[in-house]
């Protein structure tokens, strides 16, 4: 019984380590995604600006 418990604990530790790694990766991906989204919004705003300028309206 004792050995089995120790094995389970080891496996649990490994699992949590893996989870933490994947969570970190996901967080990084989220940050990158947010950056990309912001850049997309900026470029969209610029495009809208150009359209407005074409209509001789203030941006």
N, C-alpha and C. Protein backbone atom coordinates (compact mmCIF):
# COMPACT_ATOMS: atom_id res chain seq x y z
N UNK A 1 0.84 -1.21 0.00
CA UNK A 1 0.00 0.00 0.00
C UNK A 1 0.87 1.25 0.00
N UNK A 2 1.91 1.25 0.82
CA UNK A 2 2.77 2.44 0.92
C UNK A 2 3.39 2.81 -0.41
N UNK A 3 3.91 1.80 -1.14
CA UNK A 3 4.56 2.06 -2.44
C UNK A 3 3.58 2.68 -3.44
N UNK A 4 2.37 2.15 -3.46
CA UNK A 4 1.36 2.64 -4.39
C UNK A 4 1.08 4.13 -4.11
N UNK A 5 0.97 4.46 -2.83
CA UNK A 5 0.68 5.85 -2.44
C UNK A 5 1.80 6.77 -2.93
N UNK A 6 3.05 6.32 -2.74
CA UNK A 6 4.19 7.14 -3.16
C UNK A 6 4.16 7.34 -4.68
N UNK A 7 3.87 6.28 -5.41
CA UNK A 7 3.79 6.38 -6.88
C UNK A 7 2.72 7.38 -7.29
N UNK A 8 1.58 7.28 -6.62
CA UNK A 8 0.47 8.20 -6.94
C UNK A 8 0.90 9.64 -6.71
N UNK A 9 1.60 9.88 -5.58
CA UNK A 9 2.06 11.23 -5.27
C UNK A 9 3.00 11.74 -6.36
N UNK A 10 3.93 10.87 -6.78
CA UNK A 10 4.89 11.25 -7.83
C UNK A 10 4.15 11.63 -9.10
N UNK A 11 3.20 10.80 -9.47
CA UNK A 11 2.42 11.06 -10.68
C UNK A 11 1.65 12.37 -10.57
N UNK A 12 1.10 12.61 -9.38
CA UNK A 12 0.34 13.84 -9.16
C UNK A 12 1.26 15.05 -9.34
N UNK A 13 2.47 14.94 -8.79
CA UNK A 13 3.43 16.05 -8.91
C UNK A 13 3.76 16.30 -10.38
N UNK A 14 4.00 15.22 -11.11
CA UNK A 14 4.32 15.35 -12.54
C UNK A 14 3.16 16.03 -13.26
N UNK A 15 1.96 15.58 -12.93
CA UNK A 15 0.77 16.13 -13.59
C UNK A 15 0.66 17.63 -13.33
N UNK A 16 0.86 18.03 -12.07
CA UNK A 16 0.73 19.46 -11.75
C UNK A 16 1.81 20.26 -12.46
N UNK A 17 3.03 19.69 -12.56
CA UNK A 17 4.11 20.39 -13.26
C UNK A 17 3.71 20.62 -14.71
N UNK A 18 3.21 19.56 -15.34
CA UNK A 18 2.79 19.65 -16.74
C UNK A 18 1.70 20.70 -16.90
N UNK A 19 0.75 20.67 -15.98
CA UNK A 19 -0.36 21.63 -16.04
C UNK A 19 0.17 23.05 -15.96
N UNK A 20 1.08 23.28 -15.02
CA UNK A 20 1.63 24.62 -14.86
C UNK A 20 2.33 25.07 -16.14
N UNK A 21 3.08 24.14 -16.75
CA UNK A 21 3.78 24.49 -18.00
C UNK A 21 2.78 24.89 -19.07
N UNK A 22 1.74 24.08 -19.23
CA UNK A 22 0.77 24.37 -20.28
C UNK A 22 0.03 25.67 -19.97
N UNK A 23 -0.25 25.90 -18.70
CA UNK A 23 -0.92 27.16 -18.32
C UNK A 23 -0.07 28.35 -18.69
N UNK A 24 1.23 28.25 -18.41
CA UNK A 24 2.14 29.36 -18.75
C UNK A 24 2.11 29.60 -20.25
N UNK A 25 2.18 28.51 -21.01
CA UNK A 25 2.15 28.64 -22.47
C UNK A 25 0.87 29.31 -22.91
N UNK A 26 -0.24 28.89 -22.32
CA UNK A 26 -1.53 29.46 -22.68
C UNK A 26 -1.56 30.95 -22.37
N UNK A 27 -1.02 31.31 -21.20
CA UNK A 27 -0.98 32.72 -20.81
C UNK A 27 -0.17 33.52 -21.82
N UNK A 28 0.99 32.97 -22.21
CA UNK A 28 1.83 33.65 -23.19
C UNK A 28 1.06 33.82 -24.49
N UNK A 29 0.38 32.75 -24.91
CA UNK A 29 -0.39 32.82 -26.14
C UNK A 29 -1.47 33.88 -26.03
N UNK A 30 -2.10 33.94 -24.86
CA UNK A 30 -3.16 34.94 -24.65
C UNK A 30 -2.57 36.34 -24.82
N UNK A 31 -1.41 36.57 -24.18
CA UNK A 31 -0.77 37.90 -24.28
C UNK A 31 -0.49 38.24 -25.73
N UNK A 32 0.08 37.26 -26.46
CA UNK A 32 0.37 37.48 -27.88
C UNK A 32 -0.92 37.79 -28.62
N UNK A 33 -1.95 37.02 -28.32
CA UNK A 33 -3.24 37.21 -28.97
C UNK A 33 -3.78 38.60 -28.72
N UNK A 34 -3.65 39.06 -27.48
CA UNK A 34 -4.13 40.40 -27.12
C UNK A 34 -3.37 41.45 -27.92
N UNK A 35 -2.05 41.26 -28.01
CA UNK A 35 -1.22 42.21 -28.78
C UNK A 35 -1.71 42.26 -30.22
N UNK A 36 -1.89 41.07 -30.80
CA UNK A 36 -2.33 41.00 -32.20
C UNK A 36 -3.69 41.67 -32.36
N UNK A 37 -4.58 41.41 -31.42
CA UNK A 37 -5.92 41.98 -31.50
C UNK A 37 -5.84 43.51 -31.46
N UNK A 38 -5.01 44.03 -30.56
CA UNK A 38 -4.86 45.48 -30.44
C UNK A 38 -4.31 46.08 -31.74
N UNK A 39 -3.31 45.38 -32.31
CA UNK A 39 -2.72 45.87 -33.55
C UNK A 39 -3.76 45.87 -34.67
N UNK A 40 -4.57 44.80 -34.69
CA UNK A 40 -5.62 44.71 -35.70
C UNK A 40 -6.58 45.89 -35.55
N UNK A 41 -6.97 46.16 -34.32
CA UNK A 41 -7.88 47.28 -34.07
C UNK A 41 -7.26 48.59 -34.55
N UNK A 42 -5.98 48.76 -34.24
CA UNK A 42 -5.29 49.99 -34.65
C UNK A 42 -5.33 50.13 -36.16
N UNK A 43 -4.98 49.04 -36.85
CA UNK A 43 -4.95 49.12 -38.32
C UNK A 43 -6.36 49.39 -38.87
N UNK A 44 -7.36 48.80 -38.23
CA UNK A 44 -8.74 49.04 -38.67
C UNK A 44 -9.10 50.51 -38.49
N UNK A 45 -8.70 51.08 -37.35
CA UNK A 45 -8.99 52.48 -37.08
C UNK A 45 -8.31 53.36 -38.12
N UNK A 46 -7.07 53.00 -38.46
CA UNK A 46 -6.33 53.77 -39.47
C UNK A 46 -7.07 53.73 -40.80
N UNK A 47 -7.54 52.54 -41.16
CA UNK A 47 -8.28 52.40 -42.42
C UNK A 47 -9.52 53.29 -42.40
N UNK A 48 -10.23 53.26 -41.27
CA UNK A 48 -11.43 54.11 -41.14
C UNK A 48 -11.03 55.57 -41.28
N UNK A 49 -9.90 55.93 -40.66
CA UNK A 49 -9.39 57.30 -40.72
C UNK A 49 -9.19 57.71 -42.17
N UNK A 50 -8.51 56.84 -42.93
CA UNK A 50 -8.23 57.15 -44.33
C UNK A 50 -9.52 57.38 -45.10
N UNK A 51 -10.51 56.53 -44.81
CA UNK A 51 -11.80 56.69 -45.49
C UNK A 51 -12.40 58.05 -45.15
N UNK A 52 -12.31 58.42 -43.86
CA UNK A 52 -12.87 59.70 -43.43
C UNK A 52 -12.14 60.86 -44.08
N UNK A 53 -10.80 60.71 -44.18
CA UNK A 53 -9.99 61.78 -44.79
C UNK A 53 -10.40 61.93 -46.26
N UNK A 54 -10.67 60.80 -46.89
CA UNK A 54 -11.10 60.82 -48.29
C UNK A 54 -12.39 61.62 -48.43
N UNK A 55 -13.21 61.54 -47.38
CA UNK A 55 -14.49 62.29 -47.40
C UNK A 55 -14.30 63.71 -46.86
N UNK A 56 -13.03 64.08 -46.61
CA UNK A 56 -12.68 65.40 -46.08
C UNK A 56 -13.35 65.66 -44.73
N UNK A 57 -13.35 64.63 -43.87
CA UNK A 57 -13.87 64.79 -42.52
C UNK A 57 -12.72 64.69 -41.55
N UNK A 58 -12.87 65.30 -40.39
CA UNK A 58 -11.80 65.23 -39.40
C UNK A 58 -11.70 63.82 -38.82
N UNK A 59 -10.46 63.38 -38.59
CA UNK A 59 -10.23 62.02 -38.10
C UNK A 59 -10.34 62.02 -36.58
